[in-house]
Structures are given as structure tokens and as C-alpha cells.
Amino acid sequence: MGMAKSEESEPIIAGCKRGDAECFSQLVDIYAKRCYGYFYRLTGDKTVSDDLLSELFVKLVEKIKSYKGGSFEGWLFKVASNIFHDRLREKQREEKLLAGRRAQLKSRPTGPRRSTDEKTDDLQKQLERLDEDTRELIMLRFYSKMSFKELAQHRAEPIGTTLSKVHRGLKKLRELME
């Protein structure tokens, strides 16, 4: 199932608010892949991404009643972003995770690019070279499809600052990928 339009997902969300397990299952089907992708691009770790995804859907069950309308995707990715940041703070794993990831990337052989998998690995490698704030902003924009206005509100910063950070981050990523 692809992206749901908000009017298509309204009855599903209403069902979730009533505690309908089938509706939660549909919501997971709709959003799991993009949310996993968002977490994976931030952490570079499949196990951590799986854990964060599970945590997100548990939190969704707890918090769905606090969703009051507007962009559901924007709301969902704010919850996802909060879970990611809580995980970093709680476990104080940021440095360990990033150091391990850097070592893993350095130990990979670099050769001619061929397959899509290798290009994906290269994208992941170059994303790691961006500062964490910029990387998360780009991933939020890409995976949540939040507008720049929503991103700026979520981050409590002026929209110009958000636009500038995304623009600079994407420009740097393009340069790194060449």
C-alpha cells in the first residue's frame, strides 16, 4: 500500500481512536516502510531502526487520541522524531553508535560503483558526513513529506533557517555524491 491521502486515512485514524486493532494494523501497513526508512537513515542500524519502529507503533497506540486533525503524517513524524531523540538521550549511545558506524564505513572496500545497493550504501556513507541536525532535517523532509512551514514549527525556528539548512544540506550531499 502506498501513501494514503489524509481523507482516505481519516476513517482508519477514527477506528484507531476507538481502539480498533484492525485499523491499527492498516495504519502500520501504510506507514511502516517510510518510518523504518526514516529511522534507518538516521541511525544506519537495522536493529535499532526495528526497535524504534516498534516503539513508534506502541507510542501511536498510546498517543493516537492526542491527534487532533491536520497533517497526520506531520504528527506521526513528530512522534517519530521525539522517539529518536529520546533514544539518543536515554541510552547516551550517540557517540558509540556513530563511532561504530564510522569504523564500519571506513572498513568497507571502495571500488567502482555498480549496483543500486552500492549507490544506496554510498548515499548512507555521505549522509553520515553531514552534521546530525542537517541529516535529520533532510530525512524528516524526505520521509514525512512535512512542508517547510511544518518543519520550522516542529523545530521552533524561523522558516528561513529551515529552508536554508535543507538547501545547504542537499547541496553538500550532491557535492559529496559526485
Protein backbone atom coordinates (compact mmCIF):
# COMPACT_ATOMS: atom_id res chain seq x y z
CA MET A 1 0.00 0.00 0.00
CA GLY A 2 1.39 3.39 -0.97
CA MET A 3 0.88 6.76 0.62
CA ALA A 4 -2.59 7.37 1.99
CA LYS A 5 -4.30 10.63 1.27
CA SER A 6 -5.49 12.22 4.50
CA GLU A 7 -9.17 11.77 3.61
CA GLU A 8 -8.51 8.05 2.95
CA SER A 9 -6.80 7.59 6.30
CA GLU A 10 -9.39 9.54 8.34
CA PRO A 11 -11.71 6.53 8.88
CA ILE A 12 -8.67 4.39 9.77
CA ILE A 13 -7.48 7.00 12.30
CA ALA A 14 -11.00 7.28 13.73
CA GLY A 15 -11.00 3.49 14.14
CA CYS A 16 -7.63 3.65 15.91
CA LYS A 17 -9.01 6.24 18.32
CA ARG A 18 -11.79 3.75 19.15
CA GLY A 19 -9.13 1.09 19.79
CA ASP A 20 -9.90 -1.00 16.68
CA ALA A 21 -6.95 -3.40 16.23
CA GLU A 22 -7.68 -3.88 12.50
CA CYS A 23 -7.39 -0.12 11.94
CA PHE A 24 -4.03 -0.03 13.76
CA SER A 25 -2.88 -2.87 11.53
CA GLN A 26 -3.86 -0.86 8.43
CA LEU A 27 -2.03 2.21 9.75
CA VAL A 28 1.12 0.13 10.30
CA ASP A 29 0.81 -1.25 6.74
CA ILE A 30 0.56 2.29 5.35
CA TYR A 31 3.42 3.91 7.28
CA ALA A 32 5.86 1.21 8.47
CA LYS A 33 8.14 1.28 5.43
CA ARG A 34 8.60 5.07 5.39
CA CYS A 35 9.05 5.30 9.17
CA TYR A 36 11.60 2.48 9.08
CA GLY A 37 13.43 4.27 6.26
CA TYR A 38 13.46 7.47 8.30
CA PHE A 39 14.95 5.70 11.35
CA TYR A 40 17.45 3.74 9.25
CA ARG A 41 18.75 6.86 7.53
CA LEU A 42 19.25 8.47 10.93
CA THR A 43 20.90 5.52 12.68
CA GLY A 44 22.39 3.38 9.89
CA ASP A 45 21.48 0.36 12.03
CA LYS A 46 18.77 -2.15 11.09
CA THR A 47 18.29 -3.49 14.64
CA VAL A 48 18.00 -0.03 16.19
CA SER A 49 15.63 1.00 13.37
CA ASP A 50 13.42 -2.04 14.02
CA ASP A 51 13.38 -1.20 17.75
CA LEU A 52 12.50 2.44 17.09
CA LEU A 53 9.76 1.40 14.65
CA SER A 54 8.24 -0.95 17.25
CA GLU A 55 8.47 1.81 19.84
CA LEU A 56 6.78 4.24 17.42
CA PHE A 57 3.78 1.97 16.90
CA VAL A 58 3.44 1.31 20.64
CA LYS A 59 3.56 5.09 21.21
CA LEU A 60 1.00 5.51 18.43
CA VAL A 61 -1.47 3.30 20.32
CA GLU A 62 -0.89 5.39 23.47
CA LYS A 63 -1.00 8.81 21.77
CA ILE A 64 -3.49 8.46 18.89
CA LYS A 65 -6.20 10.19 20.92
CA SER A 66 -3.99 13.31 21.13
CA TYR A 67 -4.05 13.65 17.31
CA LYS A 68 -6.50 16.49 16.67
CA GLY A 69 -6.52 16.72 12.89
CA GLY A 70 -4.28 18.46 10.38
CA SER A 71 -1.48 16.59 8.67
CA PHE A 72 -1.44 13.08 10.18
CA GLU A 73 1.95 12.40 8.57
CA GLY A 74 3.37 15.57 10.11
CA TRP A 75 2.03 14.48 13.51
CA LEU A 76 3.32 10.90 13.08
CA PHE A 77 6.83 12.03 12.13
CA LYS A 78 6.94 14.45 15.07
CA VAL A 79 6.26 11.46 17.32
CA ALA A 80 8.97 9.51 15.41
CA SER A 81 11.45 12.38 15.79
CA ASN A 82 10.76 12.60 19.53
CA ILE A 83 11.30 8.84 19.91
CA PHE A 84 14.62 9.10 18.05
CA HIS A 85 15.82 11.95 20.28
CA ASP A 86 14.58 10.24 23.45
CA ARG A 87 16.53 7.14 22.44
CA LEU A 88 19.72 9.17 21.98
CA ARG A 89 19.31 10.89 25.34
CA GLU A 90 18.19 7.83 27.32
CA LYS A 91 20.89 5.48 26.17
CA GLN A 92 23.61 8.11 25.71
CA ARG A 93 24.58 5.94 22.79
CA GLU A 94 25.06 8.65 20.22
CA GLU A 95 28.85 8.66 20.26
CA LYS A 96 29.15 4.89 20.50
CA LEU A 97 26.66 4.40 17.66
CA LEU A 98 28.33 6.99 15.42
CA ALA A 99 31.86 5.78 16.22
CA GLY A 100 30.86 2.20 15.39
CA ARG A 101 29.19 3.34 12.19
CA ARG A 102 32.27 5.35 11.15
CA ALA A 103 34.52 2.35 11.75
CA GLN A 104 32.13 0.16 9.75
CA LEU A 105 32.15 2.64 6.84
CA LYS A 106 35.94 3.00 6.89
CA SER A 107 36.41 -0.76 6.76
CA ARG A 108 34.31 -1.09 3.58
CA PRO A 109 36.24 -1.55 0.38
CA THR A 110 35.77 1.32 -2.05
CA GLY A 111 35.64 0.36 -5.69
CA PRO A 112 33.76 1.25 -8.83
CA ARG A 113 30.05 1.85 -8.21
CA ARG A 114 27.85 -0.72 -9.85
CA SER A 115 24.67 -1.84 -8.18
CA THR A 116 21.77 0.06 -6.67
CA ASP A 117 22.78 -1.42 -3.30
CA GLU A 118 26.22 0.14 -3.62
CA LYS A 119 24.70 3.51 -4.53
CA THR A 120 22.41 3.23 -1.51
CA ASP A 121 25.45 2.44 0.65
CA ASP A 122 27.22 5.45 -0.84
CA LEU A 123 24.22 7.67 -0.03
CA GLN A 124 24.26 6.34 3.53
CA LYS A 125 28.01 6.99 3.78
CA GLN A 126 27.63 10.58 2.53
CA LEU A 127 24.64 11.22 4.83
CA GLU A 128 26.89 10.22 7.72
CA ARG A 129 29.23 13.06 6.73
CA LEU A 130 26.53 15.70 7.26
CA ASP A 131 26.06 17.07 10.76
CA GLU A 132 23.32 15.23 12.66
CA ASP A 133 20.93 18.20 12.71
CA THR A 134 21.08 18.64 8.92
CA ARG A 135 20.82 14.88 8.32
CA GLU A 136 17.70 14.65 10.46
CA LEU A 137 16.13 17.70 8.81
CA ILE A 138 16.66 16.21 5.33
CA MET A 139 15.30 12.83 6.44
CA LEU A 140 12.25 14.47 8.06
CA ARG A 141 11.58 16.40 4.86
CA PHE A 142 12.04 13.31 2.68
CA TYR A 143 10.22 10.69 4.76
CA SER A 144 7.49 12.72 6.45
CA LYS A 145 6.72 14.91 3.45
CA MET A 146 6.25 17.73 6.00
CA SER A 147 6.09 21.19 4.47
CA PHE A 148 8.91 23.58 5.28
CA LYS A 149 6.44 25.52 7.41
CA GLU A 150 5.61 22.36 9.43
CA LEU A 151 9.30 21.52 9.78
CA ALA A 152 10.06 25.04 11.03
CA GLN A 153 7.20 24.85 13.56
CA HIS A 154 8.31 21.37 14.68
CA ARG A 155 11.83 22.69 15.25
CA ALA A 156 10.67 26.03 16.68
CA GLU A 157 12.86 28.00 14.30
CA PRO A 158 12.17 30.59 11.58
CA ILE A 159 11.14 29.08 8.23
CA GLY A 160 14.10 30.82 6.52
CA THR A 161 16.51 28.99 8.82
CA THR A 162 14.87 25.64 8.00
CA LEU A 163 14.86 26.33 4.23
CA SER A 164 18.50 27.40 4.35
CA LYS A 165 19.61 24.32 6.34
CA VAL A 166 17.82 21.90 3.97
CA HIS A 167 19.14 23.73 0.90
CA ARG A 168 22.74 23.76 2.19
CA GLY A 169 22.47 20.13 3.32
CA LEU A 170 21.18 18.91 -0.05
CA LYS A 171 23.83 20.95 -1.89
CA LYS A 172 26.58 19.42 0.26
CA LEU A 173 25.11 15.93 -0.23
CA ARG A 174 25.10 16.43 -4.04
CA GLU A 175 28.75 17.53 -3.93
CA LEU A 176 29.69 14.52 -1.79
CA MET A 177 27.88 12.12 -4.15
CA GLU A 178 29.69 13.38 -7.29
